[in-house]
Amino acid sequence: MTSLPPVLVHLCSKDEWQSARQCGEHRPESLSANGFVHLSLPEQVHLPANRLYAGRSDLVLLRIDSARVSSPVRWEPGVATDPVGMVFPHLYGPLPVTAVISVTSYLPGDDGRFPELSA
């Protein structure tokens, strides 16, 4: 993918989002550990959600206006269990709070699994 879609998404806990709002940017553990913030397209976010956060009820879904991020975004493979050829957007810098256009709870179903979102 050469251009960014208008909306990307990111999952974090409500507490992490509250901290980000206070300091103006979100710097998840992955930024210091891997050098980037994990992002997704809305229609693929259920994959990492179910892999990493199954059953958690404290997550929020940040919808991000891709035009408002200033750090580079690179499309890179996820993990071997993701569909063949699927790539995810990775933000190589902190996520500015000003890029977030909406925040909603992202709750699992009764089975603990997160639902697919539409684009």
N, C-alpha and C. Protein backbone atom coordinates (compact mmCIF):
# COMPACT_ATOMS: atom_id res chain seq x y z
N MET A 1 0.84 -1.18 0.00
CA MET A 1 0.00 0.00 0.00
C MET A 1 0.89 1.24 0.00
N THR A 2 0.60 2.15 -0.89
CA THR A 2 1.42 3.35 -0.96
C THR A 2 0.79 4.53 -0.22
N SER A 3 -0.51 4.67 -0.29
CA SER A 3 -1.14 5.77 0.44
C SER A 3 -1.92 5.21 1.62
N LEU A 4 -2.13 6.04 2.61
CA LEU A 4 -2.84 5.60 3.80
C LEU A 4 -4.34 5.73 3.62
N PRO A 5 -5.09 4.76 4.13
CA PRO A 5 -6.55 4.93 4.14
C PRO A 5 -6.89 6.05 5.11
N PRO A 6 -8.07 6.65 4.98
CA PRO A 6 -8.39 7.80 5.83
C PRO A 6 -8.44 7.47 7.32
N VAL A 7 -8.85 6.26 7.68
CA VAL A 7 -8.98 5.92 9.10
C VAL A 7 -8.20 4.64 9.41
N LEU A 8 -7.37 4.74 10.44
CA LEU A 8 -6.67 3.60 11.01
C LEU A 8 -7.16 3.45 12.44
N VAL A 9 -6.90 2.31 13.07
CA VAL A 9 -7.34 2.11 14.44
C VAL A 9 -6.20 1.56 15.31
N HIS A 10 -6.35 1.78 16.60
CA HIS A 10 -5.39 1.28 17.58
C HIS A 10 -6.16 0.88 18.83
N LEU A 11 -5.74 -0.20 19.47
CA LEU A 11 -6.34 -0.65 20.72
C LEU A 11 -5.43 -0.34 21.89
N CYS A 12 -6.03 0.12 22.97
CA CYS A 12 -5.29 0.30 24.21
C CYS A 12 -6.28 0.24 25.36
N SER A 13 -5.78 0.19 26.57
CA SER A 13 -6.67 0.17 27.72
C SER A 13 -7.21 1.58 27.97
N LYS A 14 -8.29 1.65 28.70
CA LYS A 14 -8.86 2.95 29.06
C LYS A 14 -7.85 3.77 29.86
N ASP A 15 -7.11 3.12 30.73
CA ASP A 15 -6.10 3.83 31.53
C ASP A 15 -4.98 4.38 30.66
N GLU A 16 -4.53 3.59 29.68
CA GLU A 16 -3.48 4.07 28.77
C GLU A 16 -3.96 5.28 27.99
N TRP A 17 -5.22 5.25 27.55
CA TRP A 17 -5.76 6.39 26.81
C TRP A 17 -5.85 7.63 27.70
N GLN A 18 -6.28 7.43 28.94
CA GLN A 18 -6.36 8.56 29.87
C GLN A 18 -4.99 9.19 30.07
N SER A 19 -3.96 8.39 30.22
CA SER A 19 -2.59 8.90 30.37
C SER A 19 -2.15 9.64 29.12
N ALA A 20 -2.47 9.09 27.95
CA ALA A 20 -2.10 9.73 26.69
C ALA A 20 -2.75 11.10 26.57
N ARG A 21 -4.00 11.20 26.95
CA ARG A 21 -4.71 12.48 26.87
C ARG A 21 -4.04 13.53 27.75
N GLN A 22 -3.51 13.12 28.87
CA GLN A 22 -2.86 14.06 29.78
C GLN A 22 -1.52 14.56 29.24
N CYS A 23 -0.78 13.72 28.53
CA CYS A 23 0.54 14.15 28.05
C CYS A 23 0.54 14.54 26.56
N GLY A 24 -0.57 14.28 25.84
CA GLY A 24 -0.67 14.72 24.45
C GLY A 24 -0.27 13.70 23.41
N GLU A 25 0.25 12.55 23.85
CA GLU A 25 0.60 11.50 22.89
C GLU A 25 0.57 10.14 23.57
N HIS A 26 0.36 9.13 22.75
CA HIS A 26 0.31 7.75 23.24
C HIS A 26 1.62 7.07 22.86
N ARG A 27 2.30 6.54 23.88
CA ARG A 27 3.57 5.84 23.70
C ARG A 27 3.45 4.45 24.33
N PRO A 28 2.84 3.51 23.60
CA PRO A 28 2.68 2.17 24.17
C PRO A 28 4.03 1.47 24.30
N GLU A 29 4.05 0.39 25.05
CA GLU A 29 5.25 -0.41 25.27
C GLU A 29 5.92 -0.78 23.94
N SER A 30 5.11 -1.06 22.92
CA SER A 30 5.68 -1.47 21.63
C SER A 30 6.57 -0.40 21.00
N LEU A 31 6.33 0.86 21.33
CA LEU A 31 7.15 1.93 20.75
C LEU A 31 8.58 1.83 21.26
N SER A 32 8.76 1.59 22.55
CA SER A 32 10.12 1.45 23.05
C SER A 32 10.69 0.06 22.76
N ALA A 33 9.86 -0.97 22.79
CA ALA A 33 10.34 -2.34 22.56
C ALA A 33 10.63 -2.64 21.10
N ASN A 34 9.76 -2.16 20.19
CA ASN A 34 9.87 -2.51 18.77
C ASN A 34 10.10 -1.31 17.85
N GLY A 35 9.95 -0.11 18.39
CA GLY A 35 10.16 1.09 17.60
C GLY A 35 8.93 1.60 16.88
N PHE A 36 7.78 0.98 17.12
CA PHE A 36 6.56 1.42 16.44
C PHE A 36 5.32 1.16 17.29
N VAL A 37 4.23 1.83 16.90
CA VAL A 37 2.91 1.64 17.50
C VAL A 37 2.12 0.75 16.54
N HIS A 38 1.56 -0.33 17.06
CA HIS A 38 0.75 -1.23 16.24
C HIS A 38 -0.56 -0.55 15.88
N LEU A 39 -0.87 -0.48 14.60
CA LEU A 39 -2.15 0.02 14.11
C LEU A 39 -2.79 -1.08 13.29
N SER A 40 -4.04 -0.87 12.91
CA SER A 40 -4.76 -1.82 12.07
C SER A 40 -5.73 -1.05 11.20
N LEU A 41 -6.22 -1.72 10.19
CA LEU A 41 -7.40 -1.25 9.47
C LEU A 41 -8.60 -1.69 10.32
N PRO A 42 -9.71 -0.97 10.26
CA PRO A 42 -10.86 -1.37 11.06
C PRO A 42 -11.26 -2.84 10.85
N GLU A 43 -11.20 -3.30 9.61
CA GLU A 43 -11.66 -4.66 9.31
C GLU A 43 -10.67 -5.75 9.73
N GLN A 44 -9.49 -5.39 10.19
CA GLN A 44 -8.53 -6.41 10.62
C GLN A 44 -8.20 -6.34 12.11
N VAL A 45 -8.71 -5.36 12.83
CA VAL A 45 -8.34 -5.15 14.23
C VAL A 45 -8.74 -6.32 15.13
N HIS A 46 -9.76 -7.07 14.74
CA HIS A 46 -10.17 -8.22 15.57
C HIS A 46 -9.09 -9.28 15.65
N LEU A 47 -8.21 -9.36 14.66
CA LEU A 47 -7.16 -10.39 14.67
C LEU A 47 -6.17 -10.16 15.82
N PRO A 48 -5.52 -8.99 15.90
CA PRO A 48 -4.65 -8.79 17.06
C PRO A 48 -5.42 -8.71 18.38
N ALA A 49 -6.64 -8.20 18.34
CA ALA A 49 -7.44 -8.12 19.58
C ALA A 49 -7.66 -9.52 20.16
N ASN A 50 -8.03 -10.46 19.31
CA ASN A 50 -8.27 -11.82 19.79
C ASN A 50 -6.99 -12.55 20.16
N ARG A 51 -5.92 -12.24 19.49
CA ARG A 51 -4.64 -12.88 19.77
C ARG A 51 -4.05 -12.37 21.08
N LEU A 52 -4.18 -11.08 21.35
CA LEU A 52 -3.50 -10.46 22.48
C LEU A 52 -4.41 -10.14 23.68
N TYR A 53 -5.69 -9.89 23.44
CA TYR A 53 -6.54 -9.35 24.49
C TYR A 53 -7.84 -10.12 24.73
N ALA A 54 -7.95 -11.35 24.27
CA ALA A 54 -9.21 -12.10 24.39
C ALA A 54 -9.76 -12.02 25.81
N GLY A 55 -11.03 -11.67 25.90
CA GLY A 55 -11.71 -11.62 27.18
C GLY A 55 -11.59 -10.32 27.96
N ARG A 56 -10.69 -9.44 27.56
CA ARG A 56 -10.53 -8.18 28.29
C ARG A 56 -11.68 -7.22 28.01
N SER A 57 -12.13 -6.54 29.03
CA SER A 57 -13.25 -5.61 28.86
C SER A 57 -12.85 -4.16 29.14
N ASP A 58 -11.55 -3.89 29.19
CA ASP A 58 -11.08 -2.53 29.49
C ASP A 58 -10.47 -1.83 28.28
N LEU A 59 -10.73 -2.34 27.08
CA LEU A 59 -10.10 -1.78 25.88
C LEU A 59 -10.95 -0.70 25.23
N VAL A 60 -10.25 0.26 24.65
CA VAL A 60 -10.90 1.25 23.80
C VAL A 60 -10.30 1.16 22.41
N LEU A 61 -11.13 1.48 21.44
CA LEU A 61 -10.74 1.50 20.04
C LEU A 61 -10.56 2.96 19.65
N LEU A 62 -9.33 3.31 19.31
CA LEU A 62 -9.04 4.68 18.87
C LEU A 62 -9.13 4.72 17.36
N ARG A 63 -9.99 5.56 16.84
CA ARG A 63 -10.05 5.77 15.38
C ARG A 63 -9.17 6.97 15.09
N ILE A 64 -8.27 6.78 14.15
CA ILE A 64 -7.21 7.75 13.88
C ILE A 64 -7.35 8.32 12.48
N ASP A 65 -7.32 9.64 12.38
CA ASP A 65 -7.29 10.31 11.09
C ASP A 65 -5.85 10.20 10.59
N SER A 66 -5.63 9.38 9.58
CA SER A 66 -4.26 9.12 9.11
C SER A 66 -3.56 10.38 8.61
N ALA A 67 -4.32 11.39 8.21
CA ALA A 67 -3.71 12.63 7.74
C ALA A 67 -3.10 13.44 8.90
N ARG A 68 -3.45 13.08 10.11
CA ARG A 68 -2.96 13.83 11.28
C ARG A 68 -1.75 13.20 11.96
N VAL A 69 -1.24 12.10 11.43
CA VAL A 69 -0.03 11.51 12.01
C VAL A 69 1.16 12.02 11.21
N SER A 70 2.20 12.41 11.93
CA SER A 70 3.36 12.98 11.24
C SER A 70 4.53 12.01 11.13
N SER A 71 4.56 10.98 11.97
CA SER A 71 5.62 9.99 11.88
C SER A 71 5.31 9.01 10.74
N PRO A 72 6.35 8.35 10.23
CA PRO A 72 6.14 7.41 9.12
C PRO A 72 5.26 6.22 9.52
N VAL A 73 4.45 5.78 8.57
CA VAL A 73 3.66 4.57 8.72
C VAL A 73 4.16 3.58 7.66
N ARG A 74 4.51 2.39 8.13
CA ARG A 74 5.00 1.34 7.22
C ARG A 74 4.07 0.15 7.30
N TRP A 75 3.81 -0.46 6.15
CA TRP A 75 2.95 -1.64 6.08
C TRP A 75 3.84 -2.86 6.19
N GLU A 76 3.59 -3.66 7.25
CA GLU A 76 4.46 -4.80 7.53
C GLU A 76 3.63 -6.01 7.93
N PRO A 77 4.18 -7.21 7.71
CA PRO A 77 3.44 -8.43 8.08
C PRO A 77 3.18 -8.50 9.57
N GLY A 78 2.11 -9.18 9.91
CA GLY A 78 1.78 -9.43 11.31
C GLY A 78 2.50 -10.69 11.77
N VAL A 79 1.72 -11.72 12.11
CA VAL A 79 2.27 -12.98 12.57
C VAL A 79 1.86 -14.09 11.61
N ALA A 80 2.48 -15.24 11.78
CA ALA A 80 2.26 -16.35 10.84
C ALA A 80 0.81 -16.82 10.78
N THR A 81 0.04 -16.61 11.85
CA THR A 81 -1.35 -17.07 11.85
C THR A 81 -2.31 -16.09 11.16
N ASP A 82 -1.83 -14.91 10.79
CA ASP A 82 -2.66 -13.97 10.04
C ASP A 82 -2.84 -14.48 8.62
N PRO A 83 -3.89 -14.04 7.92
CA PRO A 83 -4.08 -14.47 6.53
C PRO A 83 -2.83 -14.17 5.69
N VAL A 84 -2.55 -15.06 4.77
CA VAL A 84 -1.38 -14.93 3.90
C VAL A 84 -1.41 -13.59 3.17
N GLY A 85 -0.29 -12.89 3.22
CA GLY A 85 -0.16 -11.62 2.52
C GLY A 85 -0.71 -10.43 3.27
N MET A 86 -1.32 -10.63 4.43
CA MET A 86 -1.89 -9.51 5.18
C MET A 86 -0.77 -8.68 5.79
N VAL A 87 -0.90 -7.37 5.66
CA VAL A 87 0.05 -6.46 6.29
C VAL A 87 -0.71 -5.49 7.18
N PHE A 88 0.00 -4.98 8.18
CA PHE A 88 -0.58 -4.06 9.15
C PHE A 88 0.19 -2.74 9.13
N PRO A 89 -0.48 -1.63 9.39
CA PRO A 89 0.22 -0.36 9.48
C PRO A 89 0.92 -0.22 10.84
N HIS A 90 2.18 0.17 10.79
CA HIS A 90 2.96 0.41 12.00
C HIS A 90 3.41 1.86 11.99
N LEU A 91 3.12 2.58 13.06
CA LEU A 91 3.46 3.99 13.18
C LEU A 91 4.81 4.11 13.89
N TYR A 92 5.81 4.63 13.19
CA TYR A 92 7.16 4.75 13.72
C TYR A 92 7.36 6.07 14.44
N GLY A 93 6.65 6.22 15.53
CA GLY A 93 6.69 7.40 16.38
C GLY A 93 5.47 7.36 17.27
N PRO A 94 5.38 8.26 18.24
CA PRO A 94 4.22 8.27 19.13
C PRO A 94 2.95 8.66 18.38
N LEU A 95 1.83 8.23 18.92
CA LEU A 95 0.53 8.57 18.35
C LEU A 95 0.04 9.87 19.00
N PRO A 96 -0.05 10.96 18.22
CA PRO A 96 -0.54 12.21 18.82
C PRO A 96 -2.04 12.11 19.14
N VAL A 97 -2.39 12.60 20.31
CA VAL A 97 -3.80 12.61 20.73
C VAL A 97 -4.65 13.37 19.71
N THR A 98 -4.09 14.38 19.09
CA THR A 98 -4.84 15.19 18.12
C THR A 98 -5.20 14.41 16.85
N ALA A 99 -4.58 13.25 16.64
CA ALA A 99 -4.91 12.43 15.47
C ALA A 99 -6.11 11.53 15.72
N VAL A 100 -6.49 11.38 16.98
CA VAL A 100 -7.60 10.49 17.34
C VAL A 100 -8.92 11.23 17.16
N ILE A 101 -9.78 10.67 16.30
CA ILE A 101 -11.05 11.34 15.98
C ILE A 101 -12.24 10.75 16.73
N SER A 102 -12.09 9.53 17.27
CA SER A 102 -13.13 8.98 18.13
C SER A 102 -12.56 7.87 18.99
N VAL A 103 -13.20 7.68 20.13
CA VAL A 103 -12.79 6.65 21.08
C VAL A 103 -14.05 5.92 21.51
N THR A 104 -14.06 4.61 21.33
CA THR A 104 -15.21 3.80 21.73
C THR A 104 -14.72 2.56 22.46
N SER A 105 -15.55 2.04 23.33
CA SER A 105 -15.24 0.77 23.98
C SER A 105 -15.22 -0.32 22.92
N TYR A 106 -14.35 -1.28 23.11
CA TYR A 106 -14.29 -2.43 22.20
C TYR A 106 -14.39 -3.66 23.09
N LEU A 107 -15.58 -4.22 23.14
CA LEU A 107 -15.88 -5.30 24.07
C LEU A 107 -15.96 -6.64 23.37
N PRO A 108 -15.49 -7.68 24.04
CA PRO A 108 -15.63 -9.02 23.47
C PRO A 108 -17.06 -9.52 23.62
N GLY A 109 -17.39 -10.52 22.84
CA GLY A 109 -18.69 -11.16 22.97
C GLY A 109 -18.71 -12.09 24.17
N ASP A 110 -19.81 -12.79 24.36
CA ASP A 110 -19.94 -13.72 25.49
C ASP A 110 -18.88 -14.81 25.47
N ASP A 111 -18.37 -15.12 24.30
CA ASP A 111 -17.33 -16.15 24.17
C ASP A 111 -15.92 -15.61 24.42
N GLY A 112 -15.81 -14.31 24.74
CA GLY A 112 -14.51 -13.70 25.00
C GLY A 112 -13.78 -13.21 23.77
N ARG A 113 -14.36 -13.42 22.59
CA ARG A 113 -13.71 -13.04 21.34
C ARG A 113 -14.25 -11.69 20.85
N PHE A 114 -13.38 -10.95 20.21
CA PHE A 114 -13.76 -9.63 19.68
C PHE A 114 -14.36 -9.77 18.29
N PRO A 115 -15.37 -8.97 18.00
CA PRO A 115 -16.04 -9.06 16.70
C PRO A 115 -15.26 -8.33 15.61
N GLU A 116 -15.53 -8.74 14.38
CA GLU A 116 -15.00 -8.01 13.23
C GLU A 116 -15.72 -6.69 13.12
N LEU A 117 -15.01 -5.67 12.68
CA LEU A 117 -15.62 -4.37 12.40
C LEU A 117 -15.73 -4.20 10.90
N SER A 118 -16.66 -3.40 10.47
CA SER A 118 -16.73 -3.08 9.05
C SER A 118 -15.80 -1.91 8.77
N ALA A 119 -15.39 -1.76 7.52
CA ALA A 119 -14.48 -0.68 7.14
C ALA A 119 -15.13 0.62 7.33
